């Protein structure tokens, strides 16, 4: 049968994150967030990212604070069913993570060492 979409021809999906503070970002994703390393070279490290991968690579632009959307219009999202425990874990690792609730769910934002926005997300409570 002839494929009708690129997803039918793709075994795995991934995101490449170019970083200025490469070593700090690798440490952050590996040790602070606990992502599993699946490949490591001097210039890139790939992590298991749910059913896909996150590749951290040299050559980006860092910021000491969260990058504005015009610099980085994406978010690395980590869905969780236990927002309280996830926040407690990240706070214990030195991140200032505070939840914000919306009708569609709860998020808790934090940044990596390059100023890239990351978020925890939990679904909305049904009937709440």
PDB file of N, CA and C in Angstrom:
ATOM      1  N   UNK A   1       0.855  -1.184   0.000  1.00  0.00           N
ATOM      2  CA  UNK A   1       0.000   0.000   0.000  1.00  0.00           C
ATOM      3  C   UNK A   1       0.896   1.241   0.000  1.00  0.00           C
ATOM      4  N   UNK A   2       0.547   2.229  -0.754  1.00  0.00           N
ATOM      5  CA  UNK A   2       1.309   3.464  -0.863  1.00  0.00           C
ATOM      6  C   UNK A   2       1.099   4.339   0.372  1.00  0.00           C
ATOM      7  N   UNK A   3       2.190   4.823   0.980  1.00  0.00           N
ATOM      8  CA  UNK A   3       2.042   5.704   2.155  1.00  0.00           C
ATOM      9  C   UNK A   3       1.273   6.979   1.813  1.00  0.00           C
ATOM     10  N   UNK A   4       0.488   7.454   2.778  1.00  0.00           N
ATOM     11  CA  UNK A   4      -0.276   8.681   2.574  1.00  0.00           C
ATOM     12  C   UNK A   4       0.188   9.818   3.481  1.00  0.00           C
ATOM     13  N   UNK A   5       1.150   9.519   4.384  1.00  0.00           N
ATOM     14  CA  UNK A   5       1.661  10.571   5.264  1.00  0.00           C
ATOM     15  C   UNK A   5       3.104  10.270   5.641  1.00  0.00           C
ATOM     16  N   UNK A   6       3.836  11.300   6.038  1.00  0.00           N
ATOM     17  CA  UNK A   6       5.226  11.134   6.453  1.00  0.00           C
ATOM     18  C   UNK A   6       5.319  10.285   7.715  1.00  0.00           C
ATOM     19  N   UNK A   7       4.294  10.322   8.558  1.00  0.00           N
ATOM     20  CA  UNK A   7       4.344   9.527   9.789  1.00  0.00           C
ATOM     21  C   UNK A   7       4.370   8.032   9.496  1.00  0.00           C
ATOM     22  N   UNK A   8       3.829   7.607   8.380  1.00  0.00           N
ATOM     23  CA  UNK A   8       3.875   6.201   8.003  1.00  0.00           C
ATOM     24  C   UNK A   8       5.290   5.777   7.594  1.00  0.00           C
ATOM     25  N   UNK A   9       6.130   6.732   7.252  1.00  0.00           N
ATOM     26  CA  UNK A   9       7.501   6.447   6.830  1.00  0.00           C
ATOM     27  C   UNK A   9       8.525   6.791   7.907  1.00  0.00           C
ATOM     28  N   UNK A  10       8.058   7.189   9.086  1.00  0.00           N
ATOM     29  CA  UNK A  10       8.930   7.659  10.153  1.00  0.00           C
ATOM     30  C   UNK A  10       8.876   6.699  11.332  1.00  0.00           C
ATOM     31  N   UNK A  11      10.048   6.193  11.728  1.00  0.00           N
ATOM     32  CA  UNK A  11      10.103   5.260  12.849  1.00  0.00           C
ATOM     33  C   UNK A  11      10.098   5.977  14.191  1.00  0.00           C
ATOM     34  N   UNK A  12      10.675   7.185  14.229  1.00  0.00           N
ATOM     35  CA  UNK A  12      10.789   7.913  15.491  1.00  0.00           C
ATOM     36  C   UNK A  12      10.771   9.407  15.199  1.00  0.00           C
ATOM     37  N   UNK A  13      10.251  10.166  16.146  1.00  0.00           N
ATOM     38  CA  UNK A  13      10.192  11.607  16.025  1.00  0.00           C
ATOM     39  C   UNK A  13      11.116  12.228  17.058  1.00  0.00           C
ATOM     40  N   UNK A  14      11.635  13.428  16.781  1.00  0.00           N
ATOM     41  CA  UNK A  14      12.519  14.065  17.733  1.00  0.00           C
ATOM     42  C   UNK A  14      12.544  15.565  17.602  1.00  0.00           C
ATOM     43  N   UNK A  15      13.156  16.176  18.599  1.00  0.00           N
ATOM     44  CA  UNK A  15      13.345  17.614  18.655  1.00  0.00           C
ATOM     45  C   UNK A  15      14.833  17.861  18.846  1.00  0.00           C
ATOM     46  N   UNK A  16      15.400  18.797  18.080  1.00  0.00           N
ATOM     47  CA  UNK A  16      16.797  19.180  18.247  1.00  0.00           C
ATOM     48  C   UNK A  16      16.816  20.558  18.891  1.00  0.00           C
ATOM     49  N   UNK A  17      17.542  20.673  19.996  1.00  0.00           N
ATOM     50  CA  UNK A  17      17.654  21.922  20.730  1.00  0.00           C
ATOM     51  C   UNK A  17      19.102  22.385  20.646  1.00  0.00           C
ATOM     52  N   UNK A  18      19.340  23.448  19.872  1.00  0.00           N
ATOM     53  CA  UNK A  18      20.692  24.000  19.760  1.00  0.00           C
ATOM     54  C   UNK A  18      20.957  24.884  20.971  1.00  0.00           C
ATOM     55  N   UNK A  19      22.103  24.673  21.627  1.00  0.00           N
ATOM     56  CA  UNK A  19      22.392  25.362  22.877  1.00  0.00           C
ATOM     57  C   UNK A  19      23.737  26.075  22.837  1.00  0.00           C
ATOM     58  N   UNK A  20      23.819  27.172  23.545  1.00  0.00           N
ATOM     59  CA  UNK A  20      25.073  27.890  23.744  1.00  0.00           C
ATOM     60  C   UNK A  20      25.813  27.307  24.951  1.00  0.00           C
ATOM     61  N   UNK A  21      25.070  27.057  26.015  1.00  0.00           N
ATOM     62  CA  UNK A  21      25.625  26.504  27.258  1.00  0.00           C
ATOM     63  C   UNK A  21      25.448  24.987  27.237  1.00  0.00           C
ATOM     64  N   UNK A  22      26.121  24.365  26.284  1.00  0.00           N
ATOM     65  CA  UNK A  22      25.936  22.946  25.996  1.00  0.00           C
ATOM     66  C   UNK A  22      26.108  22.066  27.232  1.00  0.00           C
ATOM     67  N   UNK A  23      27.245  22.167  27.903  1.00  0.00           N
ATOM     68  CA  UNK A  23      27.508  21.281  29.053  1.00  0.00           C
ATOM     69  C   UNK A  23      26.478  21.480  30.160  1.00  0.00           C
ATOM     70  N   UNK A  24      26.128  22.728  30.435  1.00  0.00           N
ATOM     71  CA  UNK A  24      25.135  23.006  31.478  1.00  0.00           C
ATOM     72  C   UNK A  24      23.763  22.438  31.085  1.00  0.00           C
ATOM     73  N   UNK A  25      23.408  22.552  29.814  1.00  0.00           N
ATOM     74  CA  UNK A  25      22.117  22.019  29.356  1.00  0.00           C
ATOM     75  C   UNK A  25      22.105  20.493  29.417  1.00  0.00           C
ATOM     76  N   UNK A  26      23.203  19.858  29.025  1.00  0.00           N
ATOM     77  CA  UNK A  26      23.284  18.398  29.120  1.00  0.00           C
ATOM     78  C   UNK A  26      23.119  17.965  30.573  1.00  0.00           C
ATOM     79  N   UNK A  27      23.826  18.626  31.497  1.00  0.00           N
ATOM     80  CA  UNK A  27      23.702  18.302  32.911  1.00  0.00           C
ATOM     81  C   UNK A  27      22.263  18.491  33.393  1.00  0.00           C
ATOM     82  N   UNK A  28      21.630  19.567  32.957  1.00  0.00           N
ATOM     83  CA  UNK A  28      20.255  19.868  33.347  1.00  0.00           C
ATOM     84  C   UNK A  28      19.300  18.753  32.911  1.00  0.00           C
ATOM     85  N   UNK A  29      19.337  18.402  31.633  1.00  0.00           N
ATOM     86  CA  UNK A  29      18.398  17.394  31.137  1.00  0.00           C
ATOM     87  C   UNK A  29      18.711  16.002  31.665  1.00  0.00           C
ATOM     88  N   UNK A  30      20.007  15.713  31.865  1.00  0.00           N
ATOM     89  CA  UNK A  30      20.383  14.394  32.359  1.00  0.00           C
ATOM     90  C   UNK A  30      20.195  14.263  33.866  1.00  0.00           C
ATOM     91  N   UNK A  31      20.685  15.219  34.631  1.00  0.00           N
ATOM     92  CA  UNK A  31      20.698  15.066  36.089  1.00  0.00           C
ATOM     93  C   UNK A  31      19.552  15.776  36.803  1.00  0.00           C
ATOM     94  N   UNK A  32      19.199  16.984  36.380  1.00  0.00           N
ATOM     95  CA  UNK A  32      18.097  17.691  37.042  1.00  0.00           C
ATOM     96  C   UNK A  32      16.755  17.079  36.663  1.00  0.00           C
ATOM     97  N   UNK A  33      16.532  16.858  35.355  1.00  0.00           N
ATOM     98  CA  UNK A  33      15.260  16.291  34.919  1.00  0.00           C
ATOM     99  C   UNK A  33      15.284  14.768  34.862  1.00  0.00           C
ATOM    100  N   UNK A  34      16.479  14.179  34.798  1.00  0.00           N
ATOM    101  CA  UNK A  34      16.592  12.722  34.822  1.00  0.00           C
ATOM    102  C   UNK A  34      16.265  12.027  33.520  1.00  0.00           C
ATOM    103  N   UNK A  35      16.439  12.715  32.378  1.00  0.00           N
ATOM    104  CA  UNK A  35      16.182  12.060  31.095  1.00  0.00           C
ATOM    105  C   UNK A  35      17.288  11.058  30.792  1.00  0.00           C
ATOM    106  N   UNK A  36      16.923   9.948  30.197  1.00  0.00           N
ATOM    107  CA  UNK A  36      17.867   8.877  29.872  1.00  0.00           C
ATOM    108  C   UNK A  36      18.654   9.224  28.614  1.00  0.00           C
ATOM    109  N   UNK A  37      19.989   9.123  28.688  1.00  0.00           N
ATOM    110  CA  UNK A  37      20.852   9.365  27.534  1.00  0.00           C
ATOM    111  C   UNK A  37      20.774   8.160  26.610  1.00  0.00           C
ATOM    112  N   UNK A  38      20.557   8.419  25.309  1.00  0.00           N
ATOM    113  CA  UNK A  38      20.545   7.337  24.327  1.00  0.00           C
ATOM    114  C   UNK A  38      21.695   7.454  23.328  1.00  0.00           C
ATOM    115  N   UNK A  39      22.340   8.621  23.276  1.00  0.00           N
ATOM    116  CA  UNK A  39      23.500   8.814  22.406  1.00  0.00           C
ATOM    117  C   UNK A  39      24.312   9.979  22.954  1.00  0.00           C
ATOM    118  N   UNK A  40      25.642   9.854  22.910  1.00  0.00           N
ATOM    119  CA  UNK A  40      26.491  10.928  23.397  1.00  0.00           C
ATOM    120  C   UNK A  40      27.711  11.042  22.494  1.00  0.00           C
ATOM    121  N   UNK A  41      27.950  12.240  21.979  1.00  0.00           N
ATOM    122  CA  UNK A  41      29.175  12.567  21.254  1.00  0.00           C
ATOM    123  C   UNK A  41      29.684  13.874  21.850  1.00  0.00           C
ATOM    124  N   UNK A  42      30.864  14.347  21.459  1.00  0.00           N
ATOM    125  CA  UNK A  42      31.349  15.612  22.019  1.00  0.00           C
ATOM    126  C   UNK A  42      30.453  16.819  21.719  1.00  0.00           C
ATOM    127  N   UNK A  43      29.669  16.775  20.647  1.00  0.00           N
ATOM    128  CA  UNK A  43      28.875  17.937  20.247  1.00  0.00           C
ATOM    129  C   UNK A  43      27.370  17.771  20.367  1.00  0.00           C
ATOM    130  N   UNK A  44      26.907  16.583  20.757  1.00  0.00           N
ATOM    131  CA  UNK A  44      25.465  16.389  20.932  1.00  0.00           C
ATOM    132  C   UNK A  44      25.202  15.251  21.898  1.00  0.00           C
ATOM    133  N   UNK A  45      24.075  15.373  22.568  1.00  0.00           N
ATOM    134  CA  UNK A  45      23.589  14.306  23.440  1.00  0.00           C
ATOM    135  C   UNK A  45      22.102  14.152  23.163  1.00  0.00           C
ATOM    136  N   UNK A  46      21.684  12.902  22.915  1.00  0.00           N
ATOM    137  CA  UNK A  46      20.268  12.609  22.697  1.00  0.00           C
ATOM    138  C   UNK A  46      19.699  11.936  23.936  1.00  0.00           C
ATOM    139  N   UNK A  47      18.497  12.360  24.284  1.00  0.00           N
ATOM    140  CA  UNK A  47      17.795  11.839  25.450  1.00  0.00           C
ATOM    141  C   UNK A  47      16.481  11.208  25.026  1.00  0.00           C
ATOM    142  N   UNK A  48      16.057  10.169  25.748  1.00  0.00           N
ATOM    143  CA  UNK A  48      14.718   9.622  25.557  1.00  0.00           C
ATOM    144  C   UNK A  48      13.757  10.699  26.033  1.00  0.00           C
ATOM    145  N   UNK A  49      12.748  11.002  25.220  1.00  0.00           N
ATOM    146  CA  UNK A  49      11.799  12.082  25.496  1.00  0.00           C
ATOM    147  C   UNK A  49      10.406  11.533  25.233  1.00  0.00           C
ATOM    148  N   UNK A  50       9.899  10.763  26.198  1.00  0.00           N
ATOM    149  CA  UNK A  50       8.637  10.059  25.982  1.00  0.00           C
ATOM    150  C   UNK A  50       8.839   9.027  24.879  1.00  0.00           C
ATOM    151  N   UNK A  51       8.004   9.042  23.857  1.00  0.00           N
ATOM    152  CA  UNK A  51       8.129   8.127  22.727  1.00  0.00           C
ATOM    153  C   UNK A  51       8.990   8.681  21.617  1.00  0.00           C
ATOM    154  N   UNK A  52       9.762   9.721  21.896  1.00  0.00           N
ATOM    155  CA  UNK A  52      10.624  10.323  20.884  1.00  0.00           C
ATOM    156  C   UNK A  52      11.973  10.636  21.519  1.00  0.00           C
ATOM    157  N   UNK A  53      12.691  11.593  20.940  1.00  0.00           N
ATOM    158  CA  UNK A  53      13.972  11.970  21.532  1.00  0.00           C
ATOM    159  C   UNK A  53      14.133  13.482  21.537  1.00  0.00           C
ATOM    160  N   UNK A  54      14.956  13.932  22.463  1.00  0.00           N
ATOM    161  CA  UNK A  54      15.383  15.322  22.544  1.00  0.00           C
ATOM    162  C   UNK A  54      16.893  15.315  22.344  1.00  0.00           C
ATOM    163  N   UNK A  55      17.363  15.981  21.286  1.00  0.00           N
ATOM    164  CA  UNK A  55      18.788  16.075  21.020  1.00  0.00           C
ATOM    165  C   UNK A  55      19.264  17.462  21.422  1.00  0.00           C
ATOM    166  N   UNK A  56      20.215  17.524  22.333  1.00  0.00           N
ATOM    167  CA  UNK A  56      20.835  18.777  22.758  1.00  0.00           C
ATOM    168  C   UNK A  56      22.151  18.873  21.999  1.00  0.00           C
ATOM    169  N   UNK A  57      22.304  19.967  21.266  1.00  0.00           N
ATOM    170  CA  UNK A  57      23.457  20.111  20.373  1.00  0.00           C
ATOM    171  C   UNK A  57      24.107  21.481  20.563  1.00  0.00           C
ATOM    172  N   UNK A  58      25.387  21.550  20.296  1.00  0.00           N
ATOM    173  CA  UNK A  58      26.108  22.831  20.369  1.00  0.00           C
ATOM    174  C   UNK A  58      25.642  23.755  19.243  1.00  0.00           C
ATOM    175  N   UNK A  59      25.747  25.076  19.492  1.00  0.00           N
ATOM    176  CA  UNK A  59      25.529  26.033  18.414  1.00  0.00           C
ATOM    177  C   UNK A  59      24.311  26.915  18.536  1.00  0.00           C
ATOM    178  N   UNK A  60      23.713  27.011  19.693  1.00  0.00           N
ATOM    179  CA  UNK A  60      22.533  27.857  19.853  1.00  0.00           C
ATOM    180  C   UNK A  60      22.860  29.180  20.507  1.00  0.00           C
ATOM    181  N   UNK A  61      21.831  29.844  20.953  1.00  0.00           N
ATOM    182  CA  UNK A  61      21.948  31.137  21.621  1.00  0.00           C
ATOM    183  C   UNK A  61      21.338  31.008  23.012  1.00  0.00           C
ATOM    184  N   UNK A  62      22.122  31.304  24.027  1.00  0.00           N
ATOM    185  CA  UNK A  62      21.639  31.225  25.392  1.00  0.00           C
ATOM    186  C   UNK A  62      21.190  32.568  25.914  1.00  0.00           C
ATOM    187  N   UNK A  63      20.438  32.539  26.997  1.00  0.00           N
ATOM    188  CA  UNK A  63      19.973  33.737  27.674  1.00  0.00           C
ATOM    189  C   UNK A  63      19.988  33.454  29.172  1.00  0.00           C
ATOM    190  N   UNK A  64      20.405  34.429  29.996  1.00  0.00           N
ATOM    191  CA  UNK A  64      20.412  34.196  31.444  1.00  0.00           C
ATOM    192  C   UNK A  64      19.006  34.140  32.047  1.00  0.00           C
ATOM    193  N   UNK A  65      18.021  34.608  31.293  1.00  0.00           N
ATOM    194  CA  UNK A  65      16.628  34.552  31.728  1.00  0.00           C
ATOM    195  C   UNK A  65      15.815  33.860  30.636  1.00  0.00           C
ATOM    196  N   UNK A  66      14.537  33.624  30.919  1.00  0.00           N
ATOM    197  CA  UNK A  66      13.685  32.967  29.932  1.00  0.00           C
ATOM    198  C   UNK A  66      13.676  33.745  28.624  1.00  0.00           C
ATOM    199  N   UNK A  67      13.906  33.049  27.521  1.00  0.00           N
ATOM    200  CA  UNK A  67      13.885  33.677  26.206  1.00  0.00           C
ATOM    201  C   UNK A  67      12.455  34.104  25.860  1.00  0.00           C
ATOM    202  N   UNK A  68      12.297  35.277  25.252  1.00  0.00           N
ATOM    203  CA  UNK A  68      10.960  35.665  24.796  1.00  0.00           C
ATOM    204  C   UNK A  68      10.539  34.801  23.605  1.00  0.00           C
ATOM    205  N   UNK A  69       9.263  34.752  23.327  1.00  0.00           N
ATOM    206  CA  UNK A  69       8.743  33.925  22.236  1.00  0.00           C
ATOM    207  C   UNK A  69       9.379  34.246  20.892  1.00  0.00           C
ATOM    208  N   UNK A  70       9.764  35.481  20.658  1.00  0.00           N
ATOM    209  CA  UNK A  70      10.377  35.818  19.374  1.00  0.00           C
ATOM    210  C   UNK A  70      11.740  35.150  19.225  1.00  0.00           C
ATOM    211  N   UNK A  71      12.411  34.846  20.317  1.00  0.00           N
ATOM    212  CA  UNK A  71      13.689  34.133  20.270  1.00  0.00           C
ATOM    213  C   UNK A  71      13.490  32.622  20.286  1.00  0.00           C
ATOM    214  N   UNK A  72      12.477  32.153  20.979  1.00  0.00           N
ATOM    215  CA  UNK A  72      12.227  30.727  21.085  1.00  0.00           C
ATOM    216  C   UNK A  72      10.723  30.492  21.197  1.00  0.00           C
ATOM    217  N   UNK A  73      10.053  30.323  20.061  1.00  0.00           N
ATOM    218  CA  UNK A  73       8.595  30.190  20.080  1.00  0.00           C
ATOM    219  C   UNK A  73       8.098  28.775  20.382  1.00  0.00           C
ATOM    220  N   UNK A  74       8.885  28.004  21.121  1.00  0.00           N
ATOM    221  CA  UNK A  74       8.470  26.642  21.452  1.00  0.00           C
ATOM    222  C   UNK A  74       8.617  26.397  22.957  1.00  0.00           C
ATOM    223  N   UNK A  75       7.976  25.330  23.409  1.00  0.00           N
ATOM    224  CA  UNK A  75       8.022  24.929  24.814  1.00  0.00           C
ATOM    225  C   UNK A  75       8.297  23.427  24.846  1.00  0.00           C
ATOM    226  N   UNK A  76       9.183  23.011  25.713  1.00  0.00           N
ATOM    227  CA  UNK A  76       9.373  21.576  25.950  1.00  0.00           C
ATOM    228  C   UNK A  76       8.414  21.178  27.060  1.00  0.00           C
ATOM    229  N   UNK A  77       7.449  20.351  26.731  1.00  0.00           N
ATOM    230  CA  UNK A  77       6.357  20.029  27.642  1.00  0.00           C
ATOM    231  C   UNK A  77       6.537  18.641  28.214  1.00  0.00           C
ATOM    232  N   UNK A  78       6.340  18.532  29.532  1.00  0.00           N
ATOM    233  CA  UNK A  78       6.429  17.268  30.250  1.00  0.00           C
ATOM    234  C   UNK A  78       5.079  17.029  30.911  1.00  0.00           C
ATOM    235  N   UNK A  79       4.253  16.186  30.320  1.00  0.00           N
ATOM    236  CA  UNK A  79       2.938  15.893  30.892  1.00  0.00           C
ATOM    237  C   UNK A  79       3.097  14.986  32.104  1.00  0.00           C
ATOM    238  N   UNK A  80       2.341  15.283  33.148  1.00  0.00           N
ATOM    239  CA  UNK A  80       2.417  14.497  34.380  1.00  0.00           C
ATOM    240  C   UNK A  80       1.020  14.312  34.966  1.00  0.00           C
ATOM    241  N   UNK A  81       0.818  13.183  35.605  1.00  0.00           N
ATOM    242  CA  UNK A  81      -0.440  12.940  36.313  1.00  0.00           C
ATOM    243  C   UNK A  81      -0.333  13.319  37.786  1.00  0.00           C
ATOM    244  N   UNK A  82       0.889  13.674  38.227  1.00  0.00           N
ATOM    245  CA  UNK A  82       1.076  14.057  39.630  1.00  0.00           C
ATOM    246  C   UNK A  82       1.879  15.360  39.686  1.00  0.00           C
ATOM    247  N   UNK A  83       1.186  16.451  39.450  1.00  0.00           N
ATOM    248  CA  UNK A  83       1.819  17.767  39.397  1.00  0.00           C
ATOM    249  C   UNK A  83       2.503  18.102  40.722  1.00  0.00           C
ATOM    250  N   UNK A  84       1.859  17.832  41.837  1.00  0.00           N
ATOM    251  CA  UNK A  84       2.444  18.173  43.136  1.00  0.00           C
ATOM    252  C   UNK A  84       3.788  17.487  43.353  1.00  0.00           C
ATOM    253  N   UNK A  85       3.864  16.194  43.071  1.00  0.00           N
ATOM    254  CA  UNK A  85       5.125  15.463  43.246  1.00  0.00           C
ATOM    255  C   UNK A  85       6.182  15.944  42.261  1.00  0.00           C
ATOM    256  N   UNK A  86       5.782  16.228  41.027  1.00  0.00           N
ATOM    257  CA  UNK A  86       6.732  16.705  40.019  1.00  0.00           C
ATOM    258  C   UNK A  86       7.307  18.059  40.431  1.00  0.00           C
ATOM    259  N   UNK A  87       6.469  18.961  40.919  1.00  0.00           N
ATOM    260  CA  UNK A  87       6.929  20.270  41.385  1.00  0.00           C
ATOM    261  C   UNK A  87       7.846  20.108  42.596  1.00  0.00           C
ATOM    262  N   UNK A  88       7.450  19.271  43.531  1.00  0.00           N
ATOM    263  CA  UNK A  88       8.265  19.028  44.725  1.00  0.00           C
ATOM    264  C   UNK A  88       9.649  18.503  44.331  1.00  0.00           C
ATOM    265  N   UNK A  89       9.690  17.590  43.385  1.00  0.00           N
ATOM    266  CA  UNK A  89      10.962  17.030  42.928  1.00  0.00           C
ATOM    267  C   UNK A  89      11.857  18.103  42.305  1.00  0.00           C
ATOM    268  N   UNK A  90      11.286  18.927  41.420  1.00  0.00           N
ATOM    269  CA  UNK A  90      12.085  19.965  40.756  1.00  0.00           C
ATOM    270  C   UNK A  90      12.483  21.084  41.716  1.00  0.00           C
ATOM    271  N   UNK A  91      11.596  21.444  42.648  1.00  0.00           N
ATOM    272  CA  UNK A  91      11.962  22.441  43.659  1.00  0.00           C
ATOM    273  C   UNK A  91      13.130  21.939  44.508  1.00  0.00           C
ATOM    274  N   UNK A  92      13.129  20.647  44.856  1.00  0.00           N
ATOM    275  CA  UNK A  92      14.212  20.061  45.641  1.00  0.00           C
ATOM    276  C   UNK A  92      15.536  20.073  44.873  1.00  0.00           C
ATOM    277  N   UNK A  93      15.459  20.135  43.542  1.00  0.00           N
ATOM    278  CA  UNK A  93      16.669  20.188  42.714  1.00  0.00           C
ATOM    279  C   UNK A  93      17.071  21.628  42.385  1.00  0.00           C
ATOM    280  N   UNK A  94      16.433  22.593  43.065  1.00  0.00           N
ATOM    281  CA  UNK A  94      16.829  23.984  42.936  1.00  0.00           C
ATOM    282  C   UNK A  94      16.073  24.810  41.922  1.00  0.00           C
ATOM    283  N   UNK A  95      15.041  24.253  41.300  1.00  0.00           N
ATOM    284  CA  UNK A  95      14.249  25.026  40.341  1.00  0.00           C
ATOM    285  C   UNK A  95      13.071  25.681  41.055  1.00  0.00           C
ATOM    286  N   UNK A  96      12.766  26.908  40.677  1.00  0.00           N
ATOM    287  CA  UNK A  96      11.595  27.603  41.223  1.00  0.00           C
ATOM    288  C   UNK A  96      10.432  27.317  40.285  1.00  0.00           C
ATOM    289  N   UNK A  97       9.609  26.361  40.659  1.00  0.00           N
ATOM    290  CA  UNK A  97       8.502  25.909  39.819  1.00  0.00           C
ATOM    291  C   UNK A  97       7.205  26.148  40.575  1.00  0.00           C
ATOM    292  N   UNK A  98       6.348  27.002  40.014  1.00  0.00           N
ATOM    293  CA  UNK A  98       5.072  27.327  40.632  1.00  0.00           C
ATOM    294  C   UNK A  98       3.945  27.002  39.651  1.00  0.00           C
ATOM    295  N   UNK A  99       2.889  26.343  40.124  1.00  0.00           N
ATOM    296  CA  UNK A  99       1.787  25.977  39.226  1.00  0.00           C
ATOM    297  C   UNK A  99       0.875  27.158  38.893  1.00  0.00           C
ATOM    298  N   UNK A 100       0.292  27.075  37.705  1.00  0.00           N
ATOM    299  CA  UNK A 100      -0.740  28.008  37.262  1.00  0.00           C
ATOM    300  C   UNK A 100      -1.887  27.160  36.727  1.00  0.00           C
ATOM    301  N   UNK A 101      -3.089  27.375  37.229  1.00  0.00           N
ATOM    302  CA  UNK A 101      -4.231  26.572  36.812  1.00  0.00           C
ATOM    303  C   UNK A 101      -5.095  27.323  35.816  1.00  0.00           C
ATOM    304  N   UNK A 102      -5.582  26.583  34.839  1.00  0.00           N
ATOM    305  CA  UNK A 102      -6.467  27.090  33.787  1.00  0.00           C
ATOM    306  C   UNK A 102      -7.609  26.091  33.645  1.00  0.00           C
ATOM    307  N   UNK A 103      -8.641  26.445  32.878  1.00  0.00           N
ATOM    308  CA  UNK A 103      -9.754  25.509  32.706  1.00  0.00           C
ATOM    309  C   UNK A 103      -9.346  24.262  31.924  1.00  0.00           C
ATOM    310  N   UNK A 104      -8.274  24.325  31.149  1.00  0.00           N
ATOM    311  CA  UNK A 104      -7.794  23.191  30.347  1.00  0.00           C
ATOM    312  C   UNK A 104      -6.710  22.374  31.048  1.00  0.00           C
ATOM    313  N   UNK A 105      -6.292  22.786  32.251  1.00  0.00           N
ATOM    314  CA  UNK A 105      -5.282  22.038  32.991  1.00  0.00           C
ATOM    315  C   UNK A 105      -4.369  22.950  33.782  1.00  0.00           C
ATOM    316  N   UNK A 106      -3.335  22.378  34.329  1.00  0.00           N
ATOM    317  CA  UNK A 106      -2.368  23.112  35.141  1.00  0.00           C
ATOM    318  C   UNK A 106      -0.997  22.998  34.505  1.00  0.00           C
ATOM    319  N   UNK A 107      -0.257  24.117  34.499  1.00  0.00           N
ATOM    320  CA  UNK A 107       1.119  24.103  34.032  1.00  0.00           C
ATOM    321  C   UNK A 107       2.023  24.649  35.136  1.00  0.00           C
ATOM    322  N   UNK A 108       3.281  24.306  35.050  1.00  0.00           N
ATOM    323  CA  UNK A 108       4.287  24.844  35.953  1.00  0.00           C
ATOM    324  C   UNK A 108       5.543  25.050  35.119  1.00  0.00           C
ATOM    325  N   UNK A 109       5.904  26.310  34.891  1.00  0.00           N
ATOM    326  CA  UNK A 109       6.985  26.654  33.979  1.00  0.00           C
ATOM    327  C   UNK A 109       8.327  26.750  34.691  1.00  0.00           C
ATOM    328  N   UNK A 110       9.379  26.435  33.952  1.00  0.00           N
ATOM    329  CA  UNK A 110      10.759  26.602  34.397  1.00  0.00           C
ATOM    330  C   UNK A 110      11.625  26.716  33.147  1.00  0.00           C
ATOM    331  N   UNK A 111      12.864  27.106  33.318  1.00  0.00           N
ATOM    332  CA  UNK A 111      13.747  27.253  32.161  1.00  0.00           C
ATOM    333  C   UNK A 111      14.998  26.394  32.328  1.00  0.00           C
ATOM    334  N   UNK A 112      15.582  26.032  31.182  1.00  0.00           N
ATOM    335  CA  UNK A 112      16.861  25.323  31.204  1.00  0.00           C
ATOM    336  C   UNK A 112      17.989  26.354  31.278  1.00  0.00           C
ATOM    337  N   UNK A 113      19.250  25.946  31.355  1.00  0.00           N
ATOM    338  CA  UNK A 113      20.355  26.900  31.482  1.00  0.00           C
ATOM    339  C   UNK A 113      20.544  27.844  30.294  1.00  0.00           C
ATOM    340  N   UNK A 114      19.905  27.572  29.170  1.00  0.00           N
ATOM    341  CA  UNK A 114      19.970  28.466  28.015  1.00  0.00           C
ATOM    342  C   UNK A 114      18.771  29.411  27.942  1.00  0.00           C
ATOM    343  N   UNK A 115      17.857  29.330  28.903  1.00  0.00           N
ATOM    344  CA  UNK A 115      16.675  30.187  28.900  1.00  0.00           C
ATOM    345  C   UNK A 115      15.518  29.638  28.093  1.00  0.00           C
ATOM    346  N   UNK A 116      15.590  28.354  27.694  1.00  0.00           N
ATOM    347  CA  UNK A 116      14.494  27.727  26.947  1.00  0.00           C
ATOM    348  C   UNK A 116      13.372  27.358  27.901  1.00  0.00           C
ATOM    349  N   UNK A 117      12.153  27.675  27.512  1.00  0.00           N
ATOM    350  CA  UNK A 117      10.989  27.416  28.346  1.00  0.00           C
ATOM    351  C   UNK A 117      10.636  25.934  28.358  1.00  0.00           C
ATOM    352  N   UNK A 118      10.443  25.418  29.558  1.00  0.00           N
ATOM    353  CA  UNK A 118       9.973  24.052  29.786  1.00  0.00           C
ATOM    354  C   UNK A 118       8.746  24.157  30.674  1.00  0.00           C
ATOM    355  N   UNK A 119       7.848  23.186  30.567  1.00  0.00           N
ATOM    356  CA  UNK A 119       6.650  23.192  31.399  1.00  0.00           C
ATOM    357  C   UNK A 119       6.263  21.783  31.799  1.00  0.00           C
ATOM    358  N   UNK A 120       5.820  21.658  33.025  1.00  0.00           N
ATOM    359  CA  UNK A 120       5.055  20.501  33.447  1.00  0.00           C
ATOM    360  C   UNK A 120       3.619  20.809  33.073  1.00  0.00           C
ATOM    361  N   UNK A 121       2.835  19.795  32.732  1.00  0.00           N
ATOM    362  CA  UNK A 121       1.417  19.991  32.470  1.00  0.00           C
ATOM    363  C   UNK A 121       0.644  18.800  32.990  1.00  0.00           C
ATOM    364  N   UNK A 122      -0.446  19.112  33.660  1.00  0.00           N
ATOM    365  CA  UNK A 122      -1.385  18.060  34.055  1.00  0.00           C
ATOM    366  C   UNK A 122      -2.747  18.405  33.482  1.00  0.00           C
ATOM    367  N   UNK A 123      -3.567  17.404  33.230  1.00  0.00           N
ATOM    368  CA  UNK A 123      -4.882  17.665  32.632  1.00  0.00           C
ATOM    369  C   UNK A 123      -5.826  18.334  33.608  1.00  0.00           C
ATOM    370  N   UNK A 124      -6.872  18.927  33.058  1.00  0.00           N
ATOM    371  CA  UNK A 124      -7.913  19.522  33.896  1.00  0.00           C
ATOM    372  C   UNK A 124      -8.634  18.410  34.651  1.00  0.00           C
ATOM    373  N   UNK A 125      -9.089  18.725  35.842  1.00  0.00           N
ATOM    374  CA  UNK A 125      -9.884  17.769  36.597  1.00  0.00           C
ATOM    375  C   UNK A 125     -11.299  17.766  36.045  1.00  0.00           C
ATOM    376  N   UNK A 126     -11.773  16.607  35.658  1.00  0.00           N
ATOM    377  CA  UNK A 126     -13.117  16.484  35.091  1.00  0.00           C
ATOM    378  C   UNK A 126     -14.131  16.761  36.188  1.00  0.00           C
ATOM    379  N   UNK A 127     -15.074  17.654  35.895  1.00  0.00           N
ATOM    380  CA  UNK A 127     -16.112  17.996  36.858  1.00  0.00           C
ATOM    381  C   UNK A 127     -15.666  18.967  37.933  1.00  0.00           C
ATOM    382  N   UNK A 128     -14.458  19.486  37.811  1.00  0.00           N
ATOM    383  CA  UNK A 128     -13.961  20.419  38.839  1.00  0.00           C
ATOM    384  C   UNK A 128     -14.448  21.815  38.579  1.00  0.00           C
TER     385      UNK A 128
END
